[in-house]
Amino acid sequence: MRSKALFEIKDVFCIEGRGCVVIGFLKSGTIMKGSKTILNNKEATILSIESHRQNVDTFSSIEESVALTLSDVTKEDISKGDIFFE
């Protein structure tokens, strides 16, 4: 059984037509591409995960920097320091 993923956001920017990219650190658990997340009471989908300039389907390295592309949220929905869970 997978543990709940907690992710802390360090930076955010949006790519028009693609989604919002959040850069941060995984605090616990595993993040999977295609999973639903809750961020400030809004549901978003993880469209892609990038670590060390490689696209990956899952990520579980605690405290290592990673970039996630999210759908269904805007830059205004996200702030540095926010923590979301999967």
C-alpha atoms as a PDB file:
ATOM      1  CA  MET A   1       0.000   0.000   0.000  1.00  0.00           C
ATOM      2  CA  ARG A   2       1.316   3.431  -0.971  1.00  0.00           C
ATOM      3  CA  SER A   3       1.663   6.127   1.673  1.00  0.00           C
ATOM      4  CA  LYS A   4       0.044   9.510   1.172  1.00  0.00           C
ATOM      5  CA  ALA A   5       2.365  11.895  -0.676  1.00  0.00           C
ATOM      6  CA  LEU A   6       3.052  15.340   0.774  1.00  0.00           C
ATOM      7  CA  PHE A   7       4.703  17.898  -1.506  1.00  0.00           C
ATOM      8  CA  GLU A   8       6.000  21.378  -0.573  1.00  0.00           C
ATOM      9  CA  ILE A   9       6.003  24.012  -3.345  1.00  0.00           C
ATOM     10  CA  LYS A  10       9.075  26.230  -3.732  1.00  0.00           C
ATOM     11  CA  ASP A  11       8.220  27.915  -7.069  1.00  0.00           C
ATOM     12  CA  VAL A  12       5.366  28.011  -9.568  1.00  0.00           C
ATOM     13  CA  PHE A  13       4.865  29.156 -13.154  1.00  0.00           C
ATOM     14  CA  CYS A  14       2.285  28.422 -15.839  1.00  0.00           C
ATOM     15  CA  ILE A  15       2.706  27.360 -19.436  1.00  0.00           C
ATOM     16  CA  GLU A  16      -0.247  28.469 -21.548  1.00  0.00           C
ATOM     17  CA  GLY A  17      -2.071  25.496 -23.010  1.00  0.00           C
ATOM     18  CA  ARG A  18      -0.103  23.034 -20.882  1.00  0.00           C
ATOM     19  CA  GLY A  19      -0.719  23.686 -17.171  1.00  0.00           C
ATOM     20  CA  CYS A  20       0.992  24.987 -14.049  1.00  0.00           C
ATOM     21  CA  VAL A  21       4.467  23.771 -13.202  1.00  0.00           C
ATOM     22  CA  VAL A  22       5.306  23.516  -9.519  1.00  0.00           C
ATOM     23  CA  ILE A  23       8.845  22.945  -8.322  1.00  0.00           C
ATOM     24  CA  GLY A  24       9.424  21.657  -4.861  1.00  0.00           C
ATOM     25  CA  PHE A  25      10.286  18.783  -2.581  1.00  0.00           C
ATOM     26  CA  LEU A  26       8.509  15.570  -1.744  1.00  0.00           C
ATOM     27  CA  LYS A  27       8.101  15.358   2.039  1.00  0.00           C
ATOM     28  CA  SER A  28       6.711  11.813   2.164  1.00  0.00           C
ATOM     29  CA  GLY A  29       5.168   9.085   0.053  1.00  0.00           C
ATOM     30  CA  THR A  30       5.216   8.557  -3.711  1.00  0.00           C
ATOM     31  CA  ILE A  31       3.848  10.760  -6.501  1.00  0.00           C
ATOM     32  CA  MET A  32       2.502   9.115  -9.657  1.00  0.00           C
ATOM     33  CA  LYS A  33       1.815  10.615 -13.065  1.00  0.00           C
ATOM     34  CA  GLY A  34      -1.948  10.764 -13.709  1.00  0.00           C
ATOM     35  CA  SER A  35      -2.827  10.901 -10.000  1.00  0.00           C
ATOM     36  CA  LYS A  36      -5.306  13.380  -8.573  1.00  0.00           C
ATOM     37  CA  THR A  37      -4.120  15.847  -5.931  1.00  0.00           C
ATOM     38  CA  ILE A  38      -5.793  18.354  -3.645  1.00  0.00           C
ATOM     39  CA  LEU A  39      -4.275  21.838  -3.605  1.00  0.00           C
ATOM     40  CA  ASN A  40      -5.981  24.623  -1.643  1.00  0.00           C
ATOM     41  CA  ASN A  41      -9.319  22.791  -1.885  1.00  0.00           C
ATOM     42  CA  LYS A  42      -9.012  22.347  -5.678  1.00  0.00           C
ATOM     43  CA  GLU A  43      -8.507  19.040  -7.400  1.00  0.00           C
ATOM     44  CA  ALA A  44      -5.679  18.850  -9.931  1.00  0.00           C
ATOM     45  CA  THR A  45      -4.150  16.071 -12.015  1.00  0.00           C
ATOM     46  CA  ILE A  46      -0.405  15.430 -12.232  1.00  0.00           C
ATOM     47  CA  LEU A  47       0.257  15.559 -15.978  1.00  0.00           C
ATOM     48  CA  SER A  48       4.020  15.023 -15.824  1.00  0.00           C
ATOM     49  CA  ILE A  49       6.898  14.563 -13.388  1.00  0.00           C
ATOM     50  CA  GLU A  50      10.450  15.716 -14.132  1.00  0.00           C
ATOM     51  CA  SER A  51      13.517  14.895 -12.060  1.00  0.00           C
ATOM     52  CA  HIS A  52      17.114  15.546 -13.148  1.00  0.00           C
ATOM     53  CA  ARG A  53      15.865  16.589 -16.625  1.00  0.00           C
ATOM     54  CA  GLN A  54      14.182  13.209 -17.090  1.00  0.00           C
ATOM     55  CA  ASN A  55      10.451  12.558 -17.356  1.00  0.00           C
ATOM     56  CA  VAL A  56       9.403   9.830 -14.933  1.00  0.00           C
ATOM     57  CA  ASP A  57       6.112   8.100 -14.132  1.00  0.00           C
ATOM     58  CA  THR A  58       6.669   7.874 -10.362  1.00  0.00           C
ATOM     59  CA  PHE A  59       8.783   9.768  -7.846  1.00  0.00           C
ATOM     60  CA  SER A  60       9.579   8.882  -4.246  1.00  0.00           C
ATOM     61  CA  SER A  61      12.919  10.547  -3.402  1.00  0.00           C
ATOM     62  CA  ILE A  62      12.279  12.485  -0.192  1.00  0.00           C
ATOM     63  CA  GLU A  63      13.701  16.046  -0.054  1.00  0.00           C
ATOM     64  CA  GLU A  64      14.919  15.898  -3.669  1.00  0.00           C
ATOM     65  CA  SER A  65      13.865  18.675  -6.056  1.00  0.00           C
ATOM     66  CA  VAL A  66      11.228  17.719  -8.610  1.00  0.00           C
ATOM     67  CA  ALA A  67       8.959  19.547 -11.085  1.00  0.00           C
ATOM     68  CA  LEU A  68       5.310  18.600 -11.576  1.00  0.00           C
ATOM     69  CA  THR A  69       2.971  19.842 -14.291  1.00  0.00           C
ATOM     70  CA  LEU A  70      -0.576  20.156 -12.936  1.00  0.00           C
ATOM     71  CA  SER A  71      -3.891  20.608 -14.739  1.00  0.00           C
ATOM     72  CA  ASP A  72      -7.064  22.325 -13.515  1.00  0.00           C
ATOM     73  CA  VAL A  73      -5.294  24.969 -11.369  1.00  0.00           C
ATOM     74  CA  THR A  74      -4.001  28.466 -12.096  1.00  0.00           C
ATOM     75  CA  LYS A  75      -0.984  30.334 -10.760  1.00  0.00           C
ATOM     76  CA  GLU A  76      -3.376  32.318  -8.560  1.00  0.00           C
ATOM     77  CA  ASP A  77      -4.445  29.053  -6.877  1.00  0.00           C
ATOM     78  CA  ILE A  78      -0.877  28.248  -5.807  1.00  0.00           C
ATOM     79  CA  SER A  79       1.639  29.989  -3.541  1.00  0.00           C
ATOM     80  CA  LYS A  80       5.213  29.239  -2.573  1.00  0.00           C
ATOM     81  CA  GLY A  81       5.217  27.258   0.647  1.00  0.00           C
ATOM     82  CA  ASP A  82       1.883  25.541  -0.067  1.00  0.00           C
ATOM     83  CA  ILE A  83       1.778  21.852   0.697  1.00  0.00           C
ATOM     84  CA  PHE A  84      -0.476  19.498  -1.211  1.00  0.00           C
ATOM     85  CA  PHE A  85      -1.232  15.838  -0.901  1.00  0.00           C
ATOM     86  CA  GLU A  86      -2.154  12.991  -3.167  1.00  0.00           C
END
